[in-house]
Amino acid sequence: MEFNCTDPQIQPAFINFSLPDLDTLVLRKFQPGNNYQILIDTFSLVYGYNAQYVVSNDTTTVFVIDGTHGIKAGYDWQLFIPTKNRIIFISDILSEKKTGTCGSGIFSMDKFGCTCLNNVFSFKKDNQLINFSTSDPAGNYIFIR
């Protein structure tokens, strides 16, 4: 059985922000290519509730843990930091569109192992093009200062 591979989440990584600054973030999902005019969904990312924060030196990375929400290709996004009254605009996420196959052989109904991830190549942050390194498998991060 053939299926579409999953687009990975792109994690915001905040440089020189305090944890209280990031306690709650608001993520808005928009139809792409419409200058943020057609809102699809809005949700809050709350530290310790639906988001995991990992602090390393001066950088706090936010991981959405519910499996459904999170910055992915196919949409434009606004990330609002209420404590700073700041909006980061994320658009034009370019990723590959691979397909995978599974379900062959004796255990064809078994869905275990039927996963694959697309690579993300680039995006625009505040209208500036950012390219991901294809040689760095460590993750896809949006660095915010």
N, C-alpha and C. Protein backbone atom coordinates (compact mmCIF):
# COMPACT_ATOMS: atom_id res chain seq x y z
N MET A 1 0.85 -1.18 0.00
CA MET A 1 0.00 0.00 0.00
C MET A 1 0.90 1.25 0.00
N GLU A 2 0.60 2.18 -0.87
CA GLU A 2 1.38 3.41 -0.96
C GLU A 2 0.71 4.50 -0.13
N PHE A 3 1.52 5.36 0.50
CA PHE A 3 1.00 6.44 1.32
C PHE A 3 1.92 7.65 1.19
N ASN A 4 1.40 8.83 1.55
CA ASN A 4 2.19 10.06 1.54
C ASN A 4 3.03 10.13 2.81
N CYS A 5 4.29 10.50 2.66
CA CYS A 5 5.16 10.65 3.82
C CYS A 5 4.74 11.90 4.61
N THR A 6 5.07 11.92 5.87
CA THR A 6 4.68 12.99 6.78
C THR A 6 5.65 14.16 6.69
N ASP A 7 5.11 15.38 6.77
CA ASP A 7 5.96 16.56 6.87
C ASP A 7 6.36 16.73 8.34
N PRO A 8 7.64 16.91 8.61
CA PRO A 8 8.06 17.08 10.00
C PRO A 8 7.69 18.46 10.53
N GLN A 9 7.61 18.57 11.85
CA GLN A 9 7.40 19.87 12.48
C GLN A 9 8.69 20.67 12.40
N ILE A 10 8.51 21.96 12.29
CA ILE A 10 9.64 22.89 12.37
C ILE A 10 9.54 23.55 13.74
N GLN A 11 10.56 23.38 14.55
CA GLN A 11 10.52 23.87 15.93
C GLN A 11 11.09 25.28 16.04
N PRO A 12 10.35 26.17 16.72
CA PRO A 12 10.93 27.47 17.02
C PRO A 12 11.99 27.32 18.11
N ALA A 13 13.12 27.99 17.89
CA ALA A 13 14.22 28.00 18.85
C ALA A 13 14.50 29.45 19.21
N PHE A 14 14.21 29.81 20.45
CA PHE A 14 14.30 31.19 20.92
C PHE A 14 15.65 31.44 21.55
N ILE A 15 16.37 32.43 21.06
CA ILE A 15 17.71 32.75 21.56
C ILE A 15 17.60 33.97 22.46
N ASN A 16 18.11 33.82 23.68
CA ASN A 16 18.13 34.88 24.70
C ASN A 16 16.74 35.32 25.15
N PHE A 17 15.81 34.38 25.24
CA PHE A 17 14.49 34.63 25.83
C PHE A 17 14.45 33.92 27.18
N SER A 18 13.78 34.50 28.15
CA SER A 18 13.60 33.83 29.43
C SER A 18 12.39 32.90 29.34
N LEU A 19 12.34 31.89 30.22
CA LEU A 19 11.18 30.99 30.22
C LEU A 19 9.87 31.73 30.47
N PRO A 20 9.81 32.70 31.41
CA PRO A 20 8.55 33.44 31.56
C PRO A 20 8.11 34.17 30.29
N ASP A 21 9.07 34.60 29.46
CA ASP A 21 8.72 35.25 28.18
C ASP A 21 8.00 34.29 27.24
N LEU A 22 8.29 32.99 27.41
CA LEU A 22 7.77 31.98 26.47
C LEU A 22 6.69 31.10 27.08
N ASP A 23 6.20 31.46 28.26
CA ASP A 23 5.23 30.63 28.98
C ASP A 23 4.05 30.22 28.11
N THR A 24 3.53 31.16 27.34
CA THR A 24 2.43 30.89 26.41
C THR A 24 2.75 31.55 25.07
N LEU A 25 2.59 30.77 24.02
CA LEU A 25 2.77 31.26 22.66
C LEU A 25 1.49 30.98 21.89
N VAL A 26 1.19 31.77 20.89
CA VAL A 26 0.00 31.57 20.08
C VAL A 26 0.45 31.29 18.65
N LEU A 27 -0.02 30.18 18.12
CA LEU A 27 0.31 29.78 16.75
C LEU A 27 -0.94 29.88 15.89
N ARG A 28 -0.84 30.63 14.80
CA ARG A 28 -1.97 30.80 13.88
C ARG A 28 -1.60 30.19 12.54
N LYS A 29 -2.52 29.36 12.03
CA LYS A 29 -2.32 28.63 10.78
C LYS A 29 -3.19 29.28 9.71
N PHE A 30 -2.58 29.61 8.56
CA PHE A 30 -3.28 30.31 7.48
C PHE A 30 -3.19 29.52 6.17
N GLN A 31 -4.17 29.76 5.32
CA GLN A 31 -4.10 29.24 3.96
C GLN A 31 -2.87 29.88 3.31
N PRO A 32 -2.04 29.10 2.62
CA PRO A 32 -0.81 29.67 2.06
C PRO A 32 -1.09 30.60 0.88
N GLY A 33 -0.18 31.56 0.72
CA GLY A 33 -0.22 32.42 -0.45
C GLY A 33 -1.31 33.46 -0.47
N ASN A 34 -1.95 33.74 0.67
CA ASN A 34 -3.03 34.74 0.72
C ASN A 34 -2.72 35.89 1.66
N ASN A 35 -1.43 36.15 1.88
CA ASN A 35 -1.00 37.28 2.70
C ASN A 35 -1.66 37.27 4.08
N TYR A 36 -1.78 36.08 4.65
CA TYR A 36 -2.32 35.90 6.01
C TYR A 36 -3.76 36.42 6.15
N GLN A 37 -4.55 36.24 5.12
CA GLN A 37 -5.93 36.72 5.14
C GLN A 37 -6.93 35.63 5.49
N ILE A 38 -6.61 34.35 5.23
CA ILE A 38 -7.58 33.28 5.47
C ILE A 38 -7.07 32.38 6.60
N LEU A 39 -7.59 32.67 7.81
CA LEU A 39 -7.19 31.94 9.01
C LEU A 39 -7.86 30.58 9.04
N ILE A 40 -7.07 29.53 9.31
CA ILE A 40 -7.60 28.17 9.38
C ILE A 40 -7.75 27.71 10.83
N ASP A 41 -6.76 28.04 11.67
CA ASP A 41 -6.78 27.55 13.05
C ASP A 41 -5.89 28.44 13.91
N THR A 42 -6.22 28.50 15.19
CA THR A 42 -5.42 29.20 16.18
C THR A 42 -5.32 28.31 17.40
N PHE A 43 -4.13 28.17 17.95
CA PHE A 43 -3.99 27.40 19.18
C PHE A 43 -2.84 27.95 20.00
N SER A 44 -2.95 27.75 21.30
CA SER A 44 -1.93 28.21 22.23
C SER A 44 -0.96 27.08 22.54
N LEU A 45 0.29 27.42 22.66
CA LEU A 45 1.31 26.50 23.12
C LEU A 45 1.65 26.92 24.55
N VAL A 46 1.39 26.02 25.48
CA VAL A 46 1.57 26.34 26.89
C VAL A 46 2.63 25.43 27.48
N TYR A 47 3.63 26.05 28.06
CA TYR A 47 4.72 25.31 28.69
C TYR A 47 4.18 24.31 29.70
N GLY A 48 4.58 23.06 29.54
CA GLY A 48 4.18 22.01 30.47
C GLY A 48 2.81 21.42 30.21
N TYR A 49 2.06 21.97 29.26
CA TYR A 49 0.72 21.44 28.95
C TYR A 49 0.74 20.71 27.60
N ASN A 50 0.90 21.46 26.53
CA ASN A 50 0.94 20.82 25.20
C ASN A 50 2.24 21.12 24.46
N ALA A 51 3.20 21.69 25.17
CA ALA A 51 4.49 21.99 24.58
C ALA A 51 5.61 21.65 25.56
N GLN A 52 6.64 21.06 25.00
CA GLN A 52 7.82 20.73 25.80
C GLN A 52 8.91 21.72 25.43
N TYR A 53 9.55 22.28 26.43
CA TYR A 53 10.61 23.25 26.21
C TYR A 53 11.93 22.62 26.60
N VAL A 54 12.92 22.75 25.73
CA VAL A 54 14.25 22.23 26.01
C VAL A 54 15.21 23.43 26.00
N VAL A 55 15.88 23.62 27.12
CA VAL A 55 16.81 24.75 27.25
C VAL A 55 18.24 24.23 27.13
N SER A 56 19.00 24.86 26.26
CA SER A 56 20.41 24.54 26.09
C SER A 56 21.17 25.86 25.94
N ASN A 57 21.99 26.17 26.92
CA ASN A 57 22.73 27.43 26.96
C ASN A 57 21.75 28.61 26.87
N ASP A 58 21.83 29.41 25.81
CA ASP A 58 20.97 30.60 25.69
C ASP A 58 19.75 30.36 24.80
N THR A 59 19.49 29.10 24.42
CA THR A 59 18.44 28.79 23.46
C THR A 59 17.37 27.88 24.06
N THR A 60 16.11 28.27 23.88
CA THR A 60 14.97 27.47 24.31
C THR A 60 14.22 27.00 23.08
N THR A 61 14.17 25.68 22.89
CA THR A 61 13.48 25.09 21.75
C THR A 61 12.12 24.59 22.20
N VAL A 62 11.10 24.88 21.41
CA VAL A 62 9.72 24.51 21.76
C VAL A 62 9.27 23.37 20.84
N PHE A 63 8.84 22.26 21.45
CA PHE A 63 8.33 21.10 20.74
C PHE A 63 6.85 20.94 21.06
N VAL A 64 6.00 20.91 20.04
CA VAL A 64 4.58 20.66 20.23
C VAL A 64 4.41 19.16 20.42
N ILE A 65 3.76 18.75 21.50
CA ILE A 65 3.74 17.33 21.84
C ILE A 65 2.42 16.62 21.55
N ASP A 66 1.44 17.32 21.02
CA ASP A 66 0.15 16.66 20.81
C ASP A 66 0.07 15.88 19.50
N GLY A 67 1.08 16.00 18.64
CA GLY A 67 1.11 15.23 17.41
C GLY A 67 0.26 15.80 16.29
N THR A 68 -0.59 16.75 16.57
CA THR A 68 -1.48 17.33 15.55
C THR A 68 -1.04 18.74 15.16
N HIS A 69 -0.78 19.56 16.15
CA HIS A 69 -0.43 20.95 15.90
C HIS A 69 1.08 21.09 15.76
N GLY A 70 1.48 22.15 15.17
CA GLY A 70 2.90 22.43 14.98
C GLY A 70 3.13 22.98 13.59
N ILE A 71 4.21 23.71 13.43
CA ILE A 71 4.53 24.36 12.17
C ILE A 71 4.98 23.31 11.15
N LYS A 72 4.23 23.21 10.06
CA LYS A 72 4.52 22.25 9.01
C LYS A 72 4.31 22.88 7.64
N ALA A 73 4.84 22.22 6.62
CA ALA A 73 4.66 22.68 5.24
C ALA A 73 3.19 22.64 4.86
N GLY A 74 2.83 23.42 3.85
CA GLY A 74 1.47 23.42 3.32
C GLY A 74 0.62 24.56 3.82
N TYR A 75 1.16 25.37 4.73
CA TYR A 75 0.42 26.49 5.31
C TYR A 75 1.38 27.65 5.56
N ASP A 76 0.82 28.82 5.78
CA ASP A 76 1.57 29.96 6.30
C ASP A 76 1.24 30.06 7.78
N TRP A 77 2.15 30.64 8.55
CA TRP A 77 2.01 30.64 10.00
C TRP A 77 2.36 32.00 10.59
N GLN A 78 1.71 32.31 11.71
CA GLN A 78 2.11 33.42 12.56
C GLN A 78 2.38 32.85 13.95
N LEU A 79 3.53 33.18 14.50
CA LEU A 79 3.87 32.80 15.86
C LEU A 79 3.89 34.06 16.69
N PHE A 80 2.94 34.16 17.63
CA PHE A 80 2.78 35.36 18.44
C PHE A 80 3.36 35.12 19.83
N ILE A 81 4.23 36.02 20.27
CA ILE A 81 4.81 35.98 21.61
C ILE A 81 4.13 37.09 22.42
N PRO A 82 3.09 36.75 23.20
CA PRO A 82 2.32 37.78 23.90
C PRO A 82 3.14 38.67 24.83
N THR A 83 4.09 38.09 25.56
CA THR A 83 4.86 38.90 26.52
C THR A 83 5.73 39.94 25.83
N LYS A 84 6.05 39.73 24.57
CA LYS A 84 6.87 40.67 23.80
C LYS A 84 6.05 41.44 22.77
N ASN A 85 4.74 41.10 22.67
CA ASN A 85 3.85 41.70 21.66
C ASN A 85 4.51 41.64 20.27
N ARG A 86 5.02 40.45 19.94
CA ARG A 86 5.78 40.27 18.71
C ARG A 86 5.20 39.11 17.91
N ILE A 87 5.12 39.29 16.59
CA ILE A 87 4.64 38.26 15.68
C ILE A 87 5.77 37.90 14.72
N ILE A 88 6.03 36.60 14.57
CA ILE A 88 6.98 36.10 13.59
C ILE A 88 6.15 35.48 12.46
N PHE A 89 6.43 35.89 11.24
CA PHE A 89 5.70 35.40 10.07
C PHE A 89 6.52 34.28 9.41
N ILE A 90 5.88 33.14 9.18
CA ILE A 90 6.54 31.98 8.58
C ILE A 90 5.73 31.57 7.35
N SER A 91 6.38 31.51 6.20
CA SER A 91 5.65 31.20 4.97
C SER A 91 6.55 30.45 3.99
N ASP A 92 5.94 30.03 2.89
CA ASP A 92 6.65 29.40 1.77
C ASP A 92 7.55 28.25 2.21
N ILE A 93 7.02 27.38 3.07
CA ILE A 93 7.79 26.22 3.51
C ILE A 93 7.87 25.24 2.35
N LEU A 94 9.08 24.94 1.93
CA LEU A 94 9.30 24.05 0.79
C LEU A 94 9.81 22.71 1.30
N SER A 95 9.04 21.67 1.03
CA SER A 95 9.45 20.32 1.43
C SER A 95 9.24 19.36 0.27
N GLU A 96 9.92 18.22 0.37
CA GLU A 96 9.70 17.21 -0.66
C GLU A 96 8.37 16.52 -0.41
N LYS A 97 7.89 15.82 -1.40
CA LYS A 97 6.60 15.12 -1.30
C LYS A 97 6.82 13.66 -1.68
N LYS A 98 7.46 12.94 -0.77
CA LYS A 98 7.74 11.52 -1.02
C LYS A 98 6.52 10.67 -0.70
N THR A 99 6.53 9.49 -1.26
CA THR A 99 5.56 8.47 -0.88
C THR A 99 6.34 7.25 -0.39
N GLY A 100 5.70 6.49 0.46
CA GLY A 100 6.30 5.27 0.97
C GLY A 100 5.37 4.10 0.68
N THR A 101 5.87 2.91 0.87
CA THR A 101 5.04 1.73 0.68
C THR A 101 5.17 0.85 1.91
N CYS A 102 4.10 0.15 2.21
CA CYS A 102 4.10 -0.81 3.30
C CYS A 102 2.95 -1.79 3.06
N GLY A 103 2.87 -2.77 3.91
CA GLY A 103 1.74 -3.68 3.83
C GLY A 103 1.89 -4.77 2.80
N SER A 104 3.14 -5.17 2.52
CA SER A 104 3.29 -6.28 1.59
C SER A 104 3.71 -7.53 2.35
N GLY A 105 3.37 -8.64 1.85
CA GLY A 105 3.77 -9.89 2.48
C GLY A 105 2.71 -10.45 3.40
N ILE A 106 3.12 -11.36 4.26
CA ILE A 106 2.21 -12.09 5.15
C ILE A 106 1.46 -11.15 6.10
N PHE A 107 2.17 -10.14 6.60
CA PHE A 107 1.57 -9.26 7.60
C PHE A 107 1.13 -7.94 6.96
N SER A 108 0.45 -8.00 5.84
CA SER A 108 0.11 -6.81 5.07
C SER A 108 -0.84 -5.87 5.79
N MET A 109 -1.56 -6.34 6.79
CA MET A 109 -2.47 -5.46 7.53
C MET A 109 -1.75 -4.75 8.67
N ASP A 110 -0.51 -5.12 8.94
CA ASP A 110 0.26 -4.55 10.03
C ASP A 110 0.79 -3.19 9.59
N LYS A 111 0.44 -2.12 10.31
CA LYS A 111 0.86 -0.77 9.95
C LYS A 111 2.20 -0.40 10.57
N PHE A 112 2.78 -1.28 11.39
CA PHE A 112 4.06 -1.00 12.02
C PHE A 112 5.12 -0.81 10.95
N GLY A 113 5.90 0.22 11.07
CA GLY A 113 6.96 0.45 10.11
C GLY A 113 6.52 1.20 8.87
N CYS A 114 5.27 1.61 8.81
CA CYS A 114 4.75 2.32 7.63
C CYS A 114 4.87 3.83 7.85
N THR A 115 6.08 4.30 8.04
CA THR A 115 6.29 5.72 8.26
C THR A 115 7.47 6.20 7.44
N CYS A 116 7.43 7.44 7.05
CA CYS A 116 8.58 8.11 6.44
C CYS A 116 8.36 9.60 6.58
N LEU A 117 9.45 10.36 6.57
CA LEU A 117 9.40 11.81 6.72
C LEU A 117 9.93 12.49 5.47
N ASN A 118 9.26 13.55 5.07
CA ASN A 118 9.77 14.40 4.00
C ASN A 118 10.88 15.28 4.57
N ASN A 119 11.81 15.67 3.72
CA ASN A 119 12.81 16.66 4.10
C ASN A 119 12.23 18.05 3.86
N VAL A 120 12.59 19.00 4.71
CA VAL A 120 12.21 20.40 4.51
C VAL A 120 13.44 21.13 4.01
N PHE A 121 13.28 21.86 2.92
CA PHE A 121 14.42 22.51 2.28
C PHE A 121 14.59 23.98 2.67
N SER A 122 13.46 24.70 2.78
CA SER A 122 13.57 26.13 3.06
C SER A 122 12.22 26.68 3.53
N PHE A 123 12.25 27.92 4.01
CA PHE A 123 11.05 28.66 4.40
C PHE A 123 11.42 30.13 4.45
N LYS A 124 10.41 30.96 4.61
CA LYS A 124 10.66 32.39 4.82
C LYS A 124 10.24 32.75 6.24
N LYS A 125 11.12 33.44 6.93
CA LYS A 125 10.82 33.98 8.26
C LYS A 125 10.84 35.49 8.12
N ASP A 126 9.71 36.11 8.42
CA ASP A 126 9.57 37.56 8.25
C ASP A 126 10.04 37.98 6.86
N ASN A 127 9.65 37.18 5.86
CA ASN A 127 9.91 37.40 4.44
C ASN A 127 11.37 37.24 4.03
N GLN A 128 12.20 36.69 4.92
CA GLN A 128 13.60 36.41 4.58
C GLN A 128 13.76 34.91 4.36
N LEU A 129 14.33 34.53 3.21
CA LEU A 129 14.50 33.12 2.87
C LEU A 129 15.55 32.47 3.77
N ILE A 130 15.21 31.33 4.36
CA ILE A 130 16.10 30.54 5.19
C ILE A 130 16.19 29.15 4.57
N ASN A 131 17.40 28.69 4.29
CA ASN A 131 17.61 27.36 3.74
C ASN A 131 18.07 26.41 4.83
N PHE A 132 17.52 25.21 4.84
CA PHE A 132 17.98 24.17 5.76
C PHE A 132 19.14 23.44 5.13
N SER A 133 20.05 23.00 5.96
CA SER A 133 21.17 22.19 5.48
C SER A 133 20.69 20.76 5.29
N THR A 134 20.88 20.22 4.11
CA THR A 134 20.48 18.83 3.86
C THR A 134 21.46 17.86 4.50
N SER A 135 22.61 18.36 4.94
CA SER A 135 23.60 17.47 5.56
C SER A 135 23.45 17.41 7.08
N ASP A 136 22.55 18.20 7.66
CA ASP A 136 22.37 18.21 9.11
C ASP A 136 21.04 17.57 9.47
N PRO A 137 21.05 16.30 9.90
CA PRO A 137 19.82 15.61 10.24
C PRO A 137 19.30 15.93 11.65
N ALA A 138 19.93 16.89 12.33
CA ALA A 138 19.59 17.16 13.73
C ALA A 138 18.20 17.73 13.90
N GLY A 139 17.65 18.36 12.90
CA GLY A 139 16.31 18.91 13.04
C GLY A 139 16.11 20.18 12.24
N ASN A 140 14.87 20.61 12.18
CA ASN A 140 14.50 21.82 11.46
C ASN A 140 14.07 22.86 12.48
N TYR A 141 14.85 23.92 12.59
CA TYR A 141 14.59 24.94 13.60
C TYR A 141 14.42 26.32 12.96
N ILE A 142 13.51 27.10 13.55
CA ILE A 142 13.37 28.50 13.20
C ILE A 142 14.00 29.26 14.36
N PHE A 143 15.15 29.88 14.11
CA PHE A 143 15.84 30.60 15.17
C PHE A 143 15.27 32.01 15.28
N ILE A 144 14.88 32.36 16.50
CA ILE A 144 14.24 33.66 16.77
C ILE A 144 15.04 34.37 17.84
N ARG A 145 15.46 35.58 17.51
CA ARG A 145 16.23 36.41 18.46
C ARG A 145 15.40 37.56 18.96
